[in-house]
Amino acid sequence: MRRLDIHLAQDAACDTVISAIKAADPIDYVVMETEQTDRCMISVFMRDGTNQTLMDNIQMALEGRNDWRVAVLPIEATAPKLEEAKGEKAINADQATREELFSDISDGARLDRNFVIMVVLSTIVAAIGLNSDGIAAVIGAMVIAPLLGPILGFSMGAALGDFDLLKRGFITLAVGIFTALAVSFAISFMLPLNLQSHELMSRAEVRVDGLALAMAAGGAAALSLTRGQAEALVGVMVAAALLPPGAALGLFAGGGEYDLALRAALLLALNVASLILSALLVFRLRKIRPRKWIEQKNATWAVWLNAGLSAFFLIVAATLIVLLDLGAKVEIG
């Protein structure tokens, strides 16, 4: 359940919004008095799954004005007990609103000092863990790696046709991957490359089942977010598809093992494409799209372009994996 607090001017638009609220079948609503005589505040209690329609109707009614704001607040419990939603309301009951998703993903895709520091720290842990064959260290690095945000930012930017968010997600992801490569490359000059490490050498094996893992991770992350659930655990899955291959690529390149570095680079690129494609598909299936028709048109174009390029790249890469037997265990003579 959500509570929508609507702040707007006390004029004819207030009556229009109240009409939209009534049409949305709210649990309850109240018009509150404010100290400002020219302002109106309406607090609305809505079932989960019906919030998006009301949000769209309010924005449509107040389009062209800048003297209003809607705040969305989650409600943990209420009394007396509400009847369970049925039909379409029950189907959409677990879905967060577009605005909530955008706020969460936009924050996660932000490039700032904390993001870079976390990537540096997680890469140090991952590189040392890979080289020493320490699986616990590799897992720990994936827990703290902040790579889920930019992947979802890029995917949702495409789903909404929001090119600012798409660009921000791309830049943040690119900086994160480049930072991981640079840090692991530097570490390779401090530690002798251990080619007997199973954890390290496995990142030079490019297998089709690895693509399935990345697809599942991206889809699970997007689905968890649209359902308003914590995505910390699936964030570990996403980091598993990105951080170890990136750290391995830097270690191999710094150690002069360029054939192995190319394999790790292919694995990293495939995982990025898989994550983006699966997140895009989930956003599309969950009907995450813009409100306006022209924006929907732009979003459809962006989704199909990104999905088409990702799918083409994955098909070509999967064919090469099978034909060149890139998934075979790497033997060092």
C-alpha atoms as a PDB file:
ATOM      1  CA  MET A   1       0.000   0.000   0.000  1.00  0.00           C
ATOM      2  CA  ARG A   2       1.158   3.548  -0.730  1.00  0.00           C
ATOM      3  CA  ARG A   3       0.214   7.000   0.478  1.00  0.00           C
ATOM      4  CA  LEU A   4       0.328   9.778  -2.078  1.00  0.00           C
ATOM      5  CA  ASP A   5       0.626  13.296  -0.705  1.00  0.00           C
ATOM      6  CA  ILE A   6      -0.346  15.790  -3.399  1.00  0.00           C
ATOM      7  CA  HIS A   7       0.598  19.452  -2.938  1.00  0.00           C
ATOM      8  CA  LEU A   8      -0.859  21.935  -5.424  1.00  0.00           C
ATOM      9  CA  ALA A   9      -2.441  25.354  -5.826  1.00  0.00           C
ATOM     10  CA  GLN A  10      -5.947  25.940  -4.435  1.00  0.00           C
ATOM     11  CA  ASP A  11      -7.742  26.528  -7.729  1.00  0.00           C
ATOM     12  CA  ALA A  12      -9.758  24.625 -10.313  1.00  0.00           C
ATOM     13  CA  ALA A  13      -6.906  22.113 -10.734  1.00  0.00           C
ATOM     14  CA  CYS A  14      -7.523  20.928  -7.173  1.00  0.00           C
ATOM     15  CA  ASP A  15     -11.058  19.848  -8.091  1.00  0.00           C
ATOM     16  CA  THR A  16      -9.745  18.112 -11.219  1.00  0.00           C
ATOM     17  CA  VAL A  17      -7.227  16.153  -9.159  1.00  0.00           C
ATOM     18  CA  ILE A  18      -9.903  15.148  -6.648  1.00  0.00           C
ATOM     19  CA  SER A  19     -12.011  13.829  -9.514  1.00  0.00           C
ATOM     20  CA  ALA A  20      -9.035  11.804 -10.752  1.00  0.00           C
ATOM     21  CA  ILE A  21      -8.529  10.420  -7.240  1.00  0.00           C
ATOM     22  CA  LYS A  22     -12.152   9.303  -6.977  1.00  0.00           C
ATOM     23  CA  ALA A  23     -11.936   7.610 -10.382  1.00  0.00           C
ATOM     24  CA  ALA A  24      -8.857   5.651  -9.246  1.00  0.00           C
ATOM     25  CA  ASP A  25     -10.860   3.852  -6.524  1.00  0.00           C
ATOM     26  CA  PRO A  26      -8.678   4.798  -3.531  1.00  0.00           C
ATOM     27  CA  ILE A  27      -8.862   3.114  -0.151  1.00  0.00           C
ATOM     28  CA  ASP A  28      -9.356   6.547   1.383  1.00  0.00           C
ATOM     29  CA  TYR A  29      -8.371  10.166   0.841  1.00  0.00           C
ATOM     30  CA  VAL A  30      -8.522  13.407   2.774  1.00  0.00           C
ATOM     31  CA  VAL A  31      -8.164  17.059   1.778  1.00  0.00           C
ATOM     32  CA  MET A  32      -6.089  18.805   4.435  1.00  0.00           C
ATOM     33  CA  GLU A  33      -6.076  22.415   5.468  1.00  0.00           C
ATOM     34  CA  THR A  34      -2.764  24.240   5.128  1.00  0.00           C
ATOM     35  CA  GLU A  35      -1.434  27.457   6.625  1.00  0.00           C
ATOM     36  CA  GLN A  36      -1.087  28.833   3.119  1.00  0.00           C
ATOM     37  CA  THR A  37      -4.547  29.865   1.975  1.00  0.00           C
ATOM     38  CA  ASP A  38      -3.642  29.477  -1.687  1.00  0.00           C
ATOM     39  CA  ARG A  39      -2.406  25.889  -1.340  1.00  0.00           C
ATOM     40  CA  CYS A  40      -4.144  22.528  -1.208  1.00  0.00           C
ATOM     41  CA  MET A  41      -2.864  19.201   0.139  1.00  0.00           C
ATOM     42  CA  ILE A  42      -4.556  15.875  -0.555  1.00  0.00           C
ATOM     43  CA  SER A  43      -3.459  12.656   1.127  1.00  0.00           C
ATOM     44  CA  VAL A  44      -4.538   9.493  -0.707  1.00  0.00           C
ATOM     45  CA  PHE A  45      -4.274   5.871   0.411  1.00  0.00           C
ATOM     46  CA  MET A  46      -3.958   3.505  -2.575  1.00  0.00           C
ATOM     47  CA  ARG A  47      -3.590  -0.222  -3.003  1.00  0.00           C
ATOM     48  CA  ASP A  48      -0.333  -1.426  -4.509  1.00  0.00           C
ATOM     49  CA  GLY A  49      -0.803  -1.878  -8.227  1.00  0.00           C
ATOM     50  CA  THR A  50      -3.155   1.098  -8.660  1.00  0.00           C
ATOM     51  CA  ASN A  51      -0.679   3.870  -7.886  1.00  0.00           C
ATOM     52  CA  GLN A  52       0.725   4.206 -11.381  1.00  0.00           C
ATOM     53  CA  THR A  53      -2.646   4.966 -12.967  1.00  0.00           C
ATOM     54  CA  LEU A  54      -3.346   7.711 -10.439  1.00  0.00           C
ATOM     55  CA  MET A  55       0.162   9.148 -10.825  1.00  0.00           C
ATOM     56  CA  ASP A  56      -0.297   9.308 -14.606  1.00  0.00           C
ATOM     57  CA  ASN A  57      -3.730  10.914 -14.305  1.00  0.00           C
ATOM     58  CA  ILE A  58      -2.452  13.553 -11.874  1.00  0.00           C
ATOM     59  CA  GLN A  59       0.483  14.407 -14.115  1.00  0.00           C
ATOM     60  CA  MET A  60      -1.841  14.638 -17.096  1.00  0.00           C
ATOM     61  CA  ALA A  61      -4.226  16.940 -15.225  1.00  0.00           C
ATOM     62  CA  LEU A  62      -1.408  19.219 -14.069  1.00  0.00           C
ATOM     63  CA  GLU A  63       0.701  19.137 -17.197  1.00  0.00           C
ATOM     64  CA  GLY A  64       2.317  22.457 -18.051  1.00  0.00           C
ATOM     65  CA  ARG A  65       2.294  23.662 -14.445  1.00  0.00           C
ATOM     66  CA  ASN A  66       5.208  23.714 -12.019  1.00  0.00           C
ATOM     67  CA  ASP A  67       3.404  24.585  -8.776  1.00  0.00           C
ATOM     68  CA  TRP A  68       2.671  21.021  -7.644  1.00  0.00           C
ATOM     69  CA  ARG A  69       4.410  17.948  -6.289  1.00  0.00           C
ATOM     70  CA  VAL A  70       3.462  14.359  -5.462  1.00  0.00           C
ATOM     71  CA  ALA A  71       5.273  12.483  -2.677  1.00  0.00           C
ATOM     72  CA  VAL A  72       4.941   8.661  -2.615  1.00  0.00           C
ATOM     73  CA  LEU A  73       5.253   7.036   0.813  1.00  0.00           C
ATOM     74  CA  PRO A  74       5.166   3.277   1.542  1.00  0.00           C
ATOM     75  CA  ILE A  75       2.728   2.033   4.200  1.00  0.00           C
ATOM     76  CA  GLU A  76       3.874  -1.049   6.134  1.00  0.00           C
ATOM     77  CA  ALA A  77       0.550  -1.847   7.818  1.00  0.00           C
ATOM     78  CA  THR A  78      -2.925  -0.484   8.434  1.00  0.00           C
ATOM     79  CA  ALA A  79      -6.008  -1.340  10.464  1.00  0.00           C
ATOM     80  CA  PRO A  80      -8.644  -2.535  10.011  1.00  0.00           C
ATOM     81  CA  LYS A  81      -7.533  -5.285   7.631  1.00  0.00           C
ATOM     82  CA  LEU A  82      -8.100  -4.588   3.943  1.00  0.00           C
ATOM     83  CA  GLU A  83      -9.688  -7.010   1.535  1.00  0.00           C
ATOM     84  CA  GLU A  84      -7.182  -8.637  -0.798  1.00  0.00           C
ATOM     85  CA  ALA A  85      -6.964  -7.184  -4.283  1.00  0.00           C
ATOM     86  CA  LYS A  86      -8.488  -9.166  -7.126  1.00  0.00           C
ATOM     87  CA  GLY A  87      -8.148  -9.283 -10.880  1.00  0.00           C
ATOM     88  CA  GLU A  88      -5.816  -6.757 -12.522  1.00  0.00           C
ATOM     89  CA  LYS A  89      -5.124  -5.084  -9.189  1.00  0.00           C
ATOM     90  CA  ALA A  90      -3.827  -8.368  -7.766  1.00  0.00           C
ATOM     91  CA  ILE A  91      -1.590  -8.933 -10.789  1.00  0.00           C
ATOM     92  CA  ASN A  92       0.067  -5.532 -10.421  1.00  0.00           C
ATOM     93  CA  ALA A  93       0.007  -5.432  -6.622  1.00  0.00           C
ATOM     94  CA  ASP A  94       3.741  -6.038  -6.250  1.00  0.00           C
ATOM     95  CA  GLN A  95       4.935  -3.492  -8.801  1.00  0.00           C
ATOM     96  CA  ALA A  96       6.517  -0.204  -7.825  1.00  0.00           C
ATOM     97  CA  THR A  97       5.594   2.936  -9.717  1.00  0.00           C
ATOM     98  CA  ARG A  98       7.669   4.221 -12.600  1.00  0.00           C
ATOM     99  CA  GLU A  99       8.651   7.249 -10.547  1.00  0.00           C
ATOM    100  CA  GLU A 100       9.856   5.135  -7.618  1.00  0.00           C
ATOM    101  CA  LEU A 101      11.911   2.933  -9.935  1.00  0.00           C
ATOM    102  CA  PHE A 102      13.418   5.920 -11.685  1.00  0.00           C
ATOM    103  CA  SER A 103      14.438   7.507  -8.385  1.00  0.00           C
ATOM    104  CA  ASP A 104      16.069   4.306  -7.092  1.00  0.00           C
ATOM    105  CA  ILE A 105      17.875   3.494 -10.336  1.00  0.00           C
ATOM    106  CA  SER A 106      18.986   7.061 -10.966  1.00  0.00           C
ATOM    107  CA  ASP A 107      20.629   7.145  -7.533  1.00  0.00           C
ATOM    108  CA  GLY A 108      22.327   3.797  -8.168  1.00  0.00           C
ATOM    109  CA  ALA A 109      23.717   4.923 -11.537  1.00  0.00           C
ATOM    110  CA  ARG A 110      25.326   8.061 -10.112  1.00  0.00           C
ATOM    111  CA  LEU A 111      29.062   8.404 -10.690  1.00  0.00           C
ATOM    112  CA  ASP A 112      30.704   9.873  -7.608  1.00  0.00           C
ATOM    113  CA  ARG A 113      33.737   9.439  -5.407  1.00  0.00           C
ATOM    114  CA  ASN A 114      32.126   6.732  -3.283  1.00  0.00           C
ATOM    115  CA  PHE A 115      31.389   4.641  -6.385  1.00  0.00           C
ATOM    116  CA  VAL A 116      34.996   4.822  -7.576  1.00  0.00           C
ATOM    117  CA  ILE A 117      36.378   4.039  -4.111  1.00  0.00           C
ATOM    118  CA  MET A 118      34.118   0.990  -3.765  1.00  0.00           C
ATOM    119  CA  VAL A 119      35.188  -0.273  -7.200  1.00  0.00           C
ATOM    120  CA  VAL A 120      38.853   0.176  -6.290  1.00  0.00           C
ATOM    121  CA  LEU A 121      38.460  -1.649  -2.976  1.00  0.00           C
ATOM    122  CA  SER A 122      36.379  -4.492  -4.421  1.00  0.00           C
ATOM    123  CA  THR A 123      38.853  -4.944  -7.292  1.00  0.00           C
ATOM    124  CA  ILE A 124      41.801  -5.161  -4.899  1.00  0.00           C
ATOM    125  CA  VAL A 125      40.011  -7.874  -2.933  1.00  0.00           C
ATOM    126  CA  ALA A 126      38.930  -9.689  -6.106  1.00  0.00           C
ATOM    127  CA  ALA A 127      42.367  -9.564  -7.738  1.00  0.00           C
ATOM    128  CA  ILE A 128      44.124 -10.888  -4.640  1.00  0.00           C
ATOM    129  CA  GLY A 129      41.451 -13.570  -4.217  1.00  0.00           C
ATOM    130  CA  LEU A 130      41.698 -14.672  -7.857  1.00  0.00           C
ATOM    131  CA  ASN A 131      45.482 -14.831  -7.815  1.00  0.00           C
ATOM    132  CA  SER A 132      45.639 -16.698  -4.499  1.00  0.00           C
ATOM    133  CA  ASP A 133      42.756 -19.034  -5.430  1.00  0.00           C
ATOM    134  CA  GLY A 134      40.787 -17.712  -2.471  1.00  0.00           C
ATOM    135  CA  ILE A 135      37.103 -18.134  -3.244  1.00  0.00           C
ATOM    136  CA  ALA A 136      36.049 -16.408   0.001  1.00  0.00           C
ATOM    137  CA  ALA A 137      37.882 -13.233  -1.013  1.00  0.00           C
ATOM    138  CA  VAL A 138      36.325 -13.317  -4.492  1.00  0.00           C
ATOM    139  CA  ILE A 139      32.851 -13.649  -2.980  1.00  0.00           C
ATOM    140  CA  GLY A 140      33.569 -10.828  -0.542  1.00  0.00           C
ATOM    141  CA  ALA A 141      34.618  -8.581  -3.428  1.00  0.00           C
ATOM    142  CA  MET A 142      31.365  -9.284  -5.246  1.00  0.00           C
ATOM    143  CA  VAL A 143      29.364  -8.331  -2.151  1.00  0.00           C
ATOM    144  CA  ILE A 144      30.841  -4.829  -2.013  1.00  0.00           C
ATOM    145  CA  ALA A 145      31.103  -4.152  -5.768  1.00  0.00           C
ATOM    146  CA  PRO A 146      28.624  -1.369  -6.758  1.00  0.00           C
ATOM    147  CA  LEU A 147      28.105  -2.490 -10.374  1.00  0.00           C
ATOM    148  CA  LEU A 148      24.381  -3.253 -10.287  1.00  0.00           C
ATOM    149  CA  GLY A 149      23.307   0.416 -10.405  1.00  0.00           C
ATOM    150  CA  PRO A 150      24.852   1.411 -13.749  1.00  0.00           C
ATOM    151  CA  ILE A 151      23.646  -1.785 -15.468  1.00  0.00           C
ATOM    152  CA  LEU A 152      20.060  -1.092 -14.396  1.00  0.00           C
ATOM    153  CA  GLY A 153      20.477   2.606 -15.180  1.00  0.00           C
ATOM    154  CA  PHE A 154      21.497   1.861 -18.751  1.00  0.00           C
ATOM    155  CA  SER A 155      18.684  -0.681 -19.193  1.00  0.00           C
ATOM    156  CA  MET A 156      15.971   1.515 -17.715  1.00  0.00           C
ATOM    157  CA  GLY A 157      17.208   4.500 -19.687  1.00  0.00           C
ATOM    158  CA  ALA A 158      16.565   2.455 -22.816  1.00  0.00           C
ATOM    159  CA  ALA A 159      13.216   1.169 -21.514  1.00  0.00           C
ATOM    160  CA  LEU A 160      11.981   4.719 -20.848  1.00  0.00           C
ATOM    161  CA  GLY A 161      13.705   6.378 -23.788  1.00  0.00           C
ATOM    162  CA  ASP A 162      15.478   8.571 -21.221  1.00  0.00           C
ATOM    163  CA  PHE A 163      18.791   9.203 -22.931  1.00  0.00           C
ATOM    164  CA  ASP A 164      20.174  11.171 -19.983  1.00  0.00           C
ATOM    165  CA  LEU A 165      19.757   8.146 -17.698  1.00  0.00           C
ATOM    166  CA  LEU A 166      21.029   5.815 -20.432  1.00  0.00           C
ATOM    167  CA  LYS A 167      24.146   7.953 -20.905  1.00  0.00           C
ATOM    168  CA  ARG A 168      24.703   8.247 -17.151  1.00  0.00           C
ATOM    169  CA  GLY A 169      24.448   4.482 -16.719  1.00  0.00           C
ATOM    170  CA  PHE A 170      26.835   3.868 -19.618  1.00  0.00           C
ATOM    171  CA  ILE A 171      29.422   6.354 -18.354  1.00  0.00           C
ATOM    172  CA  THR A 172      29.256   5.038 -14.784  1.00  0.00           C
ATOM    173  CA  LEU A 173      29.573   1.431 -15.958  1.00  0.00           C
ATOM    174  CA  ALA A 174      32.453   2.306 -18.292  1.00  0.00           C
ATOM    175  CA  VAL A 175      34.295   4.157 -15.519  1.00  0.00           C
ATOM    176  CA  GLY A 176      33.686   1.254 -13.130  1.00  0.00           C
ATOM    177  CA  ILE A 177      35.033  -1.340 -15.558  1.00  0.00           C
ATOM    178  CA  PHE A 178      38.000   0.841 -16.578  1.00  0.00           C
ATOM    179  CA  THR A 179      38.840   1.439 -12.901  1.00  0.00           C
ATOM    180  CA  ALA A 180      38.713  -2.302 -12.197  1.00  0.00           C
ATOM    181  CA  LEU A 181      41.003  -2.992 -15.158  1.00  0.00           C
ATOM    182  CA  ALA A 182      43.474  -0.294 -14.132  1.00  0.00           C
ATOM    183  CA  VAL A 183      43.624  -1.435 -10.492  1.00  0.00           C
ATOM    184  CA  SER A 184      44.046  -5.131 -11.342  1.00  0.00           C
ATOM    185  CA  PHE A 185      46.657  -4.252 -13.998  1.00  0.00           C
ATOM    186  CA  ALA A 186      48.638  -2.343 -11.370  1.00  0.00           C
ATOM    187  CA  ILE A 187      48.327  -5.216  -8.891  1.00  0.00           C
ATOM    188  CA  SER A 188      49.767  -7.641 -11.478  1.00  0.00           C
ATOM    189  CA  PHE A 189      53.154  -5.860 -11.102  1.00  0.00           C
ATOM    190  CA  MET A 190      53.102  -6.379  -7.337  1.00  0.00           C
ATOM    191  CA  LEU A 191      52.093 -10.044  -7.267  1.00  0.00           C
ATOM    192  CA  PRO A 192      53.569 -12.900  -9.336  1.00  0.00           C
ATOM    193  CA  LEU A 193      50.823 -14.231 -11.628  1.00  0.00           C
ATOM    194  CA  ASN A 194      49.586 -17.579 -10.302  1.00  0.00           C
ATOM    195  CA  LEU A 195      48.474 -19.586 -13.340  1.00  0.00           C
ATOM    196  CA  GLN A 196      47.746 -22.558 -11.091  1.00  0.00           C
ATOM    197  CA  SER A 197      44.847 -20.723  -9.455  1.00  0.00           C
ATOM    198  CA  HIS A 198      41.548 -22.324 -10.414  1.00  0.00           C
ATOM    199  CA  GLU A 199      39.621 -19.129  -9.641  1.00  0.00           C
ATOM    200  CA  LEU A 200      41.840 -17.111 -11.948  1.00  0.00           C
ATOM    201  CA  MET A 201      42.058 -19.594 -14.819  1.00  0.00           C
ATOM    202  CA  SER A 202      38.303 -20.223 -14.809  1.00  0.00           C
ATOM    203  CA  ARG A 203      37.849 -16.590 -15.927  1.00  0.00           C
ATOM    204  CA  ALA A 204      39.643 -17.515 -19.168  1.00  0.00           C
ATOM    205  CA  GLU A 205      37.041 -20.169 -19.920  1.00  0.00           C
ATOM    206  CA  VAL A 206      34.164 -18.705 -21.927  1.00  0.00           C
ATOM    207  CA  ARG A 207      31.178 -21.047 -21.695  1.00  0.00           C
ATOM    208  CA  VAL A 208      27.564 -20.775 -22.777  1.00  0.00           C
ATOM    209  CA  ASP A 209      26.388 -21.587 -19.247  1.00  0.00           C
ATOM    210  CA  GLY A 210      28.206 -18.454 -18.104  1.00  0.00           C
ATOM    211  CA  LEU A 211      25.993 -16.420 -20.418  1.00  0.00           C
ATOM    212  CA  ALA A 212      22.944 -18.078 -18.868  1.00  0.00           C
ATOM    213  CA  LEU A 213      24.202 -17.029 -15.424  1.00  0.00           C
ATOM    214  CA  ALA A 214      24.586 -13.421 -16.540  1.00  0.00           C
ATOM    215  CA  MET A 215      21.143 -13.420 -18.176  1.00  0.00           C
ATOM    216  CA  ALA A 216      19.583 -14.781 -14.997  1.00  0.00           C
ATOM    217  CA  ALA A 217      21.413 -12.217 -12.850  1.00  0.00           C
ATOM    218  CA  GLY A 218      20.287  -9.257 -14.954  1.00  0.00           C
ATOM    219  CA  GLY A 219      16.705 -10.482 -15.106  1.00  0.00           C
ATOM    220  CA  ALA A 220      16.560 -11.191 -11.372  1.00  0.00           C
ATOM    221  CA  ALA A 221      17.972  -7.758 -10.554  1.00  0.00           C
ATOM    222  CA  ALA A 222      15.434  -5.942 -12.729  1.00  0.00           C
ATOM    223  CA  LEU A 223      12.550  -8.071 -11.432  1.00  0.00           C
ATOM    224  CA  SER A 224      13.522  -7.528  -7.793  1.00  0.00           C
ATOM    225  CA  LEU A 225      13.637  -3.785  -8.332  1.00  0.00           C
ATOM    226  CA  THR A 226      10.254  -3.577 -10.083  1.00  0.00           C
ATOM    227  CA  ARG A 227       8.702  -5.532  -7.217  1.00  0.00           C
ATOM    228  CA  GLY A 228      10.100  -3.090  -4.682  1.00  0.00           C
ATOM    229  CA  GLN A 229      12.290  -5.722  -3.069  1.00  0.00           C
ATOM    230  CA  ALA A 230      15.875  -5.416  -1.854  1.00  0.00           C
ATOM    231  CA  GLU A 231      18.266  -6.152  -4.690  1.00  0.00           C
ATOM    232  CA  ALA A 232      21.409  -6.639  -2.575  1.00  0.00           C
ATOM    233  CA  LEU A 233      21.653 -10.379  -3.193  1.00  0.00           C
ATOM    234  CA  VAL A 234      21.075 -10.175  -6.935  1.00  0.00           C
ATOM    235  CA  GLY A 235      23.610  -7.348  -6.936  1.00  0.00           C
ATOM    236  CA  VAL A 236      26.142  -9.984  -5.891  1.00  0.00           C
ATOM    237  CA  MET A 237      25.109 -12.080  -8.910  1.00  0.00           C
ATOM    238  CA  VAL A 238      25.606  -9.116 -11.215  1.00  0.00           C
ATOM    239  CA  ALA A 239      29.013  -8.392  -9.692  1.00  0.00           C
ATOM    240  CA  ALA A 240      29.918 -12.070 -10.167  1.00  0.00           C
ATOM    241  CA  ALA A 241      29.433 -11.630 -13.908  1.00  0.00           C
ATOM    242  CA  LEU A 242      31.500  -8.419 -14.113  1.00  0.00           C
ATOM    243  CA  LEU A 243      34.108  -7.987 -11.394  1.00  0.00           C
ATOM    244  CA  PRO A 244      36.061 -11.304 -11.533  1.00  0.00           C
ATOM    245  CA  PRO A 245      36.421 -11.298 -15.359  1.00  0.00           C
ATOM    246  CA  GLY A 246      37.453  -7.633 -15.245  1.00  0.00           C
ATOM    247  CA  ALA A 247      40.028  -8.241 -12.522  1.00  0.00           C
ATOM    248  CA  ALA A 248      41.299 -11.348 -14.337  1.00  0.00           C
ATOM    249  CA  LEU A 249      41.664  -9.340 -17.562  1.00  0.00           C
ATOM    250  CA  GLY A 250      43.882  -6.797 -15.817  1.00  0.00           C
ATOM    251  CA  LEU A 251      45.978  -9.507 -14.145  1.00  0.00           C
ATOM    252  CA  PHE A 252      46.473 -11.448 -17.387  1.00  0.00           C
ATOM    253  CA  ALA A 253      47.349  -8.298 -19.353  1.00  0.00           C
ATOM    254  CA  GLY A 254      49.834  -7.136 -16.713  1.00  0.00           C
ATOM    255  CA  GLY A 255      51.405 -10.611 -16.602  1.00  0.00           C
ATOM    256  CA  GLY A 256      51.898 -10.731 -20.358  1.00  0.00           C
ATOM    257  CA  GLU A 257      49.367 -13.526 -20.903  1.00  0.00           C
ATOM    258  CA  TYR A 258      47.599 -11.830 -23.788  1.00  0.00           C
ATOM    259  CA  ASP A 259      45.750 -14.900 -25.088  1.00  0.00           C
ATOM    260  CA  LEU A 260      44.212 -15.409 -21.672  1.00  0.00           C
ATOM    261  CA  ALA A 261      43.497 -11.679 -21.425  1.00  0.00           C
ATOM    262  CA  LEU A 262      41.540 -11.807 -24.697  1.00  0.00           C
ATOM    263  CA  ARG A 263      39.468 -14.699 -23.372  1.00  0.00           C
ATOM    264  CA  ALA A 264      38.712 -12.791 -20.153  1.00  0.00           C
ATOM    265  CA  ALA A 265      37.833  -9.699 -22.207  1.00  0.00           C
ATOM    266  CA  LEU A 266      35.392 -11.732 -24.320  1.00  0.00           C
ATOM    267  CA  LEU A 267      33.800 -13.168 -21.177  1.00  0.00           C
ATOM    268  CA  LEU A 268      33.443  -9.684 -19.678  1.00  0.00           C
ATOM    269  CA  ALA A 269      31.901  -8.243 -22.863  1.00  0.00           C
ATOM    270  CA  LEU A 270      29.465 -11.149 -23.156  1.00  0.00           C
ATOM    271  CA  ASN A 271      28.382 -10.797 -19.557  1.00  0.00           C
ATOM    272  CA  VAL A 272      27.740  -7.060 -19.976  1.00  0.00           C
ATOM    273  CA  ALA A 273      25.609  -7.715 -23.078  1.00  0.00           C
ATOM    274  CA  SER A 274      23.715 -10.525 -21.307  1.00  0.00           C
ATOM    275  CA  LEU A 275      22.969  -8.416 -18.242  1.00  0.00           C
ATOM    276  CA  ILE A 276      21.686  -5.480 -20.280  1.00  0.00           C
ATOM    277  CA  LEU A 277      19.564  -7.654 -22.579  1.00  0.00           C
ATOM    278  CA  SER A 278      17.869  -9.587 -19.772  1.00  0.00           C
ATOM    279  CA  ALA A 279      17.191  -6.430 -17.713  1.00  0.00           C
ATOM    280  CA  LEU A 280      15.713  -4.758 -20.813  1.00  0.00           C
ATOM    281  CA  LEU A 281      13.411  -7.717 -21.429  1.00  0.00           C
ATOM    282  CA  VAL A 282      12.191  -7.747 -17.826  1.00  0.00           C
ATOM    283  CA  PHE A 283      11.479  -4.002 -17.839  1.00  0.00           C
ATOM    284  CA  ARG A 284       9.556  -4.450 -21.077  1.00  0.00           C
ATOM    285  CA  LEU A 285       7.564  -7.437 -19.791  1.00  0.00           C
ATOM    286  CA  ARG A 286       6.749  -5.529 -16.604  1.00  0.00           C
ATOM    287  CA  LYS A 287       5.413  -2.691 -18.792  1.00  0.00           C
ATOM    288  CA  ILE A 288       7.909  -0.127 -17.559  1.00  0.00           C
ATOM    289  CA  ARG A 289       7.430   2.557 -20.189  1.00  0.00           C
ATOM    290  CA  PRO A 290       7.007   6.349 -20.446  1.00  0.00           C
ATOM    291  CA  ARG A 291       3.666   8.073 -19.936  1.00  0.00           C
ATOM    292  CA  LYS A 292       3.495  10.101 -23.144  1.00  0.00           C
ATOM    293  CA  TRP A 293       3.003   8.560 -26.566  1.00  0.00           C
ATOM    294  CA  ILE A 294       5.962  10.284 -28.209  1.00  0.00           C
ATOM    295  CA  GLU A 295       8.211   9.242 -25.331  1.00  0.00           C
ATOM    296  CA  GLN A 296       6.920   5.691 -25.650  1.00  0.00           C
ATOM    297  CA  LYS A 297       7.880   5.780 -29.313  1.00  0.00           C
ATOM    298  CA  ASN A 298      11.427   6.863 -28.433  1.00  0.00           C
ATOM    299  CA  ALA A 299      11.613   4.209 -25.708  1.00  0.00           C
ATOM    300  CA  THR A 300      10.491   1.464 -28.087  1.00  0.00           C
ATOM    301  CA  TRP A 301      13.180   2.503 -30.557  1.00  0.00           C
ATOM    302  CA  ALA A 302      15.854   2.515 -27.829  1.00  0.00           C
ATOM    303  CA  VAL A 303      14.760  -0.869 -26.441  1.00  0.00           C
ATOM    304  CA  TRP A 304      14.765  -2.604 -29.804  1.00  0.00           C
ATOM    305  CA  LEU A 305      18.079  -1.070 -30.805  1.00  0.00           C
ATOM    306  CA  ASN A 306      19.843  -2.128 -27.608  1.00  0.00           C
ATOM    307  CA  ALA A 307      18.138  -5.512 -27.459  1.00  0.00           C
ATOM    308  CA  GLY A 308      18.909  -6.183 -31.130  1.00  0.00           C
ATOM    309  CA  LEU A 309      22.575  -5.282 -30.801  1.00  0.00           C
ATOM    310  CA  SER A 310      22.948  -7.298 -27.592  1.00  0.00           C
ATOM    311  CA  ALA A 311      21.179 -10.329 -29.047  1.00  0.00           C
ATOM    312  CA  PHE A 312      23.253 -10.206 -32.245  1.00  0.00           C
ATOM    313  CA  PHE A 313      26.481  -9.959 -30.257  1.00  0.00           C
ATOM    314  CA  LEU A 314      25.456 -12.846 -28.008  1.00  0.00           C
ATOM    315  CA  ILE A 315      24.489 -15.103 -30.921  1.00  0.00           C
ATOM    316  CA  VAL A 316      27.767 -14.464 -32.731  1.00  0.00           C
ATOM    317  CA  ALA A 317      29.752 -14.926 -29.528  1.00  0.00           C
ATOM    318  CA  ALA A 318      27.918 -18.128 -28.566  1.00  0.00           C
ATOM    319  CA  THR A 319      28.674 -19.523 -32.023  1.00  0.00           C
ATOM    320  CA  LEU A 320      32.365 -18.689 -31.614  1.00  0.00           C
ATOM    321  CA  ILE A 321      32.394 -20.273 -28.148  1.00  0.00           C
ATOM    322  CA  VAL A 322      31.108 -23.536 -29.578  1.00  0.00           C
ATOM    323  CA  LEU A 323      33.194 -23.535 -32.768  1.00  0.00           C
ATOM    324  CA  LEU A 324      36.469 -22.499 -31.093  1.00  0.00           C
ATOM    325  CA  ASP A 325      35.827 -24.534 -27.943  1.00  0.00           C
ATOM    326  CA  LEU A 326      36.536 -21.517 -25.745  1.00  0.00           C
ATOM    327  CA  GLY A 327      34.868 -23.192 -22.800  1.00  0.00           C
ATOM    328  CA  ALA A 328      37.500 -25.925 -22.576  1.00  0.00           C
ATOM    329  CA  LYS A 329      39.685 -25.937 -19.499  1.00  0.00           C
ATOM    330  CA  VAL A 330      42.813 -23.862 -20.064  1.00  0.00           C
ATOM    331  CA  GLU A 331      45.989 -25.874 -19.702  1.00  0.00           C
ATOM    332  CA  ILE A 332      49.307 -24.136 -19.049  1.00  0.00           C
ATOM    333  CA  GLY A 333      52.292 -26.054 -20.293  1.00  0.00           C
END
